[in-house]
C-alpha atoms as a PDB file:
ATOM      1  CA  MET A   1      51.376 147.144  93.815  1.00  0.00           C
ATOM      2  CA  ASP A   2      50.698 143.613  92.916  1.00  0.00           C
ATOM      3  CA  SER A   3      51.324 140.675  95.237  1.00  0.00           C
ATOM      4  CA  LYS A   4      54.598 139.635  93.554  1.00  0.00           C
ATOM      5  CA  GLN A   5      56.175 143.000  94.339  1.00  0.00           C
ATOM      6  CA  LYS A   6      54.883 142.858  97.911  1.00  0.00           C
ATOM      7  CA  MET A   7      56.330 139.376  98.344  1.00  0.00           C
ATOM      8  CA  ALA A   8      59.677 140.503  96.861  1.00  0.00           C
ATOM      9  CA  ILE A   9      59.832 143.481  99.244  1.00  0.00           C
ATOM     10  CA  ALA A  10      58.898 141.247 102.195  1.00  0.00           C
ATOM     11  CA  GLY A  11      61.539 138.687 101.133  1.00  0.00           C
ATOM     12  CA  PHE A  12      64.153 141.408 100.820  1.00  0.00           C
ATOM     13  CA  GLY A  13      63.188 142.694 104.276  1.00  0.00           C
ATOM     14  CA  LEU A  14      63.517 139.205 105.759  1.00  0.00           C
ATOM     15  CA  VAL A  15      66.920 138.687 104.098  1.00  0.00           C
ATOM     16  CA  ALA A  16      68.110 142.086 105.363  1.00  0.00           C
ATOM     17  CA  ALA A  17      66.823 141.258 108.862  1.00  0.00           C
ATOM     18  CA  GLY A  18      68.656 137.901 108.737  1.00  0.00           C
ATOM     19  CA  ILE A  19      71.889 139.580 107.679  1.00  0.00           C
ATOM     20  CA  GLY A  20      71.501 142.172 110.434  1.00  0.00           C
ATOM     21  CA  LEU A  21      70.849 139.492 113.069  1.00  0.00           C
ATOM     22  CA  GLY A  22      73.890 137.590 111.811  1.00  0.00           C
ATOM     23  CA  ILE A  23      76.059 140.693 112.253  1.00  0.00           C
ATOM     24  CA  VAL A  24      74.651 141.316 115.724  1.00  0.00           C
ATOM     25  CA  GLY A  25      75.164 137.658 116.678  1.00  0.00           C
ATOM     26  CA  THR A  26      78.749 137.770 115.443  1.00  0.00           C
ATOM     27  CA  ALA A  27      79.379 140.961 117.389  1.00  0.00           C
ATOM     28  CA  LEU A  28      77.968 139.363 120.538  1.00  0.00           C
ATOM     29  CA  ILE A  29      79.776 136.049 120.233  1.00  0.00           C
ATOM     30  CA  ALA A  30      83.182 137.386 119.119  1.00  0.00           C
ATOM     31  CA  PRO A  31      84.240 138.560 122.616  1.00  0.00           C
ATOM     32  CA  ALA A  32      83.201 135.217 124.111  1.00  0.00           C
ATOM     33  CA  VAL A  33      85.197 133.297 121.499  1.00  0.00           C
ATOM     34  CA  PHE A  34      88.184 135.598 122.038  1.00  0.00           C
ATOM     35  CA  SER A  35      87.969 135.095 125.801  1.00  0.00           C
ATOM     36  CA  TRP A  36      87.737 131.321 125.367  1.00  0.00           C
ATOM     37  CA  ALA A  37      90.757 131.306 123.049  1.00  0.00           C
ATOM     38  CA  VAL A  38      92.831 133.410 125.468  1.00  0.00           C
ATOM     39  CA  ARG A  39      91.862 131.159 128.382  1.00  0.00           C
ATOM     40  CA  SER A  40      92.817 128.076 126.379  1.00  0.00           C
ATOM     41  CA  LEU A  41      96.184 129.579 125.466  1.00  0.00           C
ATOM     42  CA  GLU A  42      96.859 130.497 129.105  1.00  0.00           C
ATOM     43  CA  LYS A  43      96.041 126.966 130.250  1.00  0.00           C
ATOM     44  CA  GLY A  44      98.296 125.559 127.542  1.00  0.00           C
ATOM     45  CA  ALA A  45     101.106 127.892 128.568  1.00  0.00           C
ATOM     46  CA  ASP A  46     100.676 126.898 132.220  1.00  0.00           C
ATOM     47  CA  ARG A  47     100.793 123.219 131.316  1.00  0.00           C
ATOM     48  CA  LEU A  48     103.832 123.778 129.124  1.00  0.00           C
ATOM     49  CA  GLY A  49     105.531 125.662 131.949  1.00  0.00           C
ATOM     50  CA  ALA A  50     104.832 122.816 134.352  1.00  0.00           C
ATOM     51  CA  GLU A  51     106.159 120.260 131.877  1.00  0.00           C
ATOM     52  CA  LEU A  52     109.301 122.300 131.282  1.00  0.00           C
ATOM     53  CA  GLU A  53     109.796 122.679 135.025  1.00  0.00           C
ATOM     54  CA  GLY A  54     109.500 118.920 135.506  1.00  0.00           C
ATOM     55  CA  ALA A  55     111.902 118.242 132.656  1.00  0.00           C
ATOM     56  CA  SER A  56     114.358 120.753 134.070  1.00  0.00           C
ATOM     57  CA  ARG A  57     114.132 119.092 137.480  1.00  0.00           C
ATOM     58  CA  ARG A  58     114.806 115.676 135.906  1.00  0.00           C
ATOM     59  CA  VAL A  59     117.792 117.026 133.974  1.00  0.00           C
ATOM     60  CA  GLY A  60     119.134 118.592 137.166  1.00  0.00           C
ATOM     61  CA  THR A  61     118.776 115.312 139.023  1.00  0.00           C
ATOM     62  CA  VAL A  62     120.578 113.402 136.284  1.00  0.00           C
ATOM     63  CA  ALA A  63     123.321 116.036 136.093  1.00  0.00           C
ATOM     64  CA  GLY A  64     123.784 115.930 139.873  1.00  0.00           C
ATOM     65  CA  THR A  65     123.980 112.151 139.867  1.00  0.00           C
ATOM     66  CA  LEU A  66     126.510 112.167 137.038  1.00  0.00           C
ATOM     67  CA  HIS A  67     128.549 114.866 138.754  1.00  0.00           C
ATOM     68  CA  ARG A  68     128.603 112.870 141.981  1.00  0.00           C
ATOM     69  CA  SER A  69     129.579 109.716 140.070  1.00  0.00           C
ATOM     70  CA  PHE A  70     132.385 111.547 138.261  1.00  0.00           C
ATOM     71  CA  ASN A  71     133.633 113.021 141.532  1.00  0.00           C
ATOM     72  CA  GLU A  72     133.687 109.585 143.145  1.00  0.00           C
ATOM     73  CA  ALA A  73     135.432 108.110 140.100  1.00  0.00           C
ATOM     74  CA  THR A  74     137.989 110.926 140.181  1.00  0.00           C
ATOM     75  CA  LYS A  75     138.694 110.339 143.868  1.00  0.00           C
ATOM     76  CA  ALA A  76     139.031 106.593 143.272  1.00  0.00           C
ATOM     77  CA  GLY A  77     141.294 107.199 140.291  1.00  0.00           C
ATOM     78  CA  MET A  78     143.458 109.642 142.216  1.00  0.00           C
ATOM     79  CA  SER A  79     143.807 107.257 145.155  1.00  0.00           C
ATOM     80  CA  GLU A  80     144.625 104.433 142.735  1.00  0.00           C
ATOM     81  CA  MET A  81     147.230 106.593 141.024  1.00  0.00           C
ATOM     82  CA  THR A  82     148.683 107.643 144.372  1.00  0.00           C
ATOM     83  CA  ARG A  83     148.767 104.061 145.595  1.00  0.00           C
ATOM     84  CA  GLY A  84     150.325 102.948 142.300  1.00  0.00           C
ATOM     85  CA  THR A  85     153.134 105.524 142.464  1.00  0.00           C
ATOM     86  CA  SER A  86     153.870 104.755 146.117  1.00  0.00           C
ATOM     87  CA  GLU A  87     154.070 101.026 145.296  1.00  0.00           C
ATOM     88  CA  GLU A  88     156.367 101.831 142.395  1.00  0.00           C
ATOM     89  CA  ARG A  89     158.612 103.862 144.721  1.00  0.00           C
ATOM     90  CA  ARG A  90     158.681 101.064 147.272  1.00  0.00           C
ATOM     91  CA  SER A  91     159.508  98.454 144.686  1.00  0.00           C
ATOM     92  CA  ALA A  92     162.086 100.734 143.090  1.00  0.00           C
ATOM     93  CA  GLY A  93     163.566 101.497 146.531  1.00  0.00           C
ATOM     94  CA  SER A  94     163.837  97.834 147.419  1.00  0.00           C
ATOM     95  CA  LYS A  95     165.606  97.091 144.137  1.00  0.00           C
ATOM     96  CA  PHE A  96     168.120  99.840 144.765  1.00  0.00           C
ATOM     97  CA  GLY A  97     168.446  99.052 148.444  1.00  0.00           C
ATOM     98  CA  ALA A  98     169.138  95.377 147.740  1.00  0.00           C
ATOM     99  CA  ALA A  99     171.804  96.126 145.176  1.00  0.00           C
END
């Protein structure tokens, strides 16, 4: 064998070894990358859950405040209506009583 053939065989061996090491490296790093991705997704889901919980709490607070305001407005309106009808009865009674 001449030196060119020996160099070609050695080059092919080195390329094959490089490909093999690349496959082994990929096989070793793939579980770590998968674990990192899952951990990142879990953290993101936890953060999203916390944000949604906070938003839900804020919406509940606003809804409670509005409900309380509407209840107070309803009570005030009902008392105003009641007072208005009683005043109308009194004024109507005095008109009829005077006549």
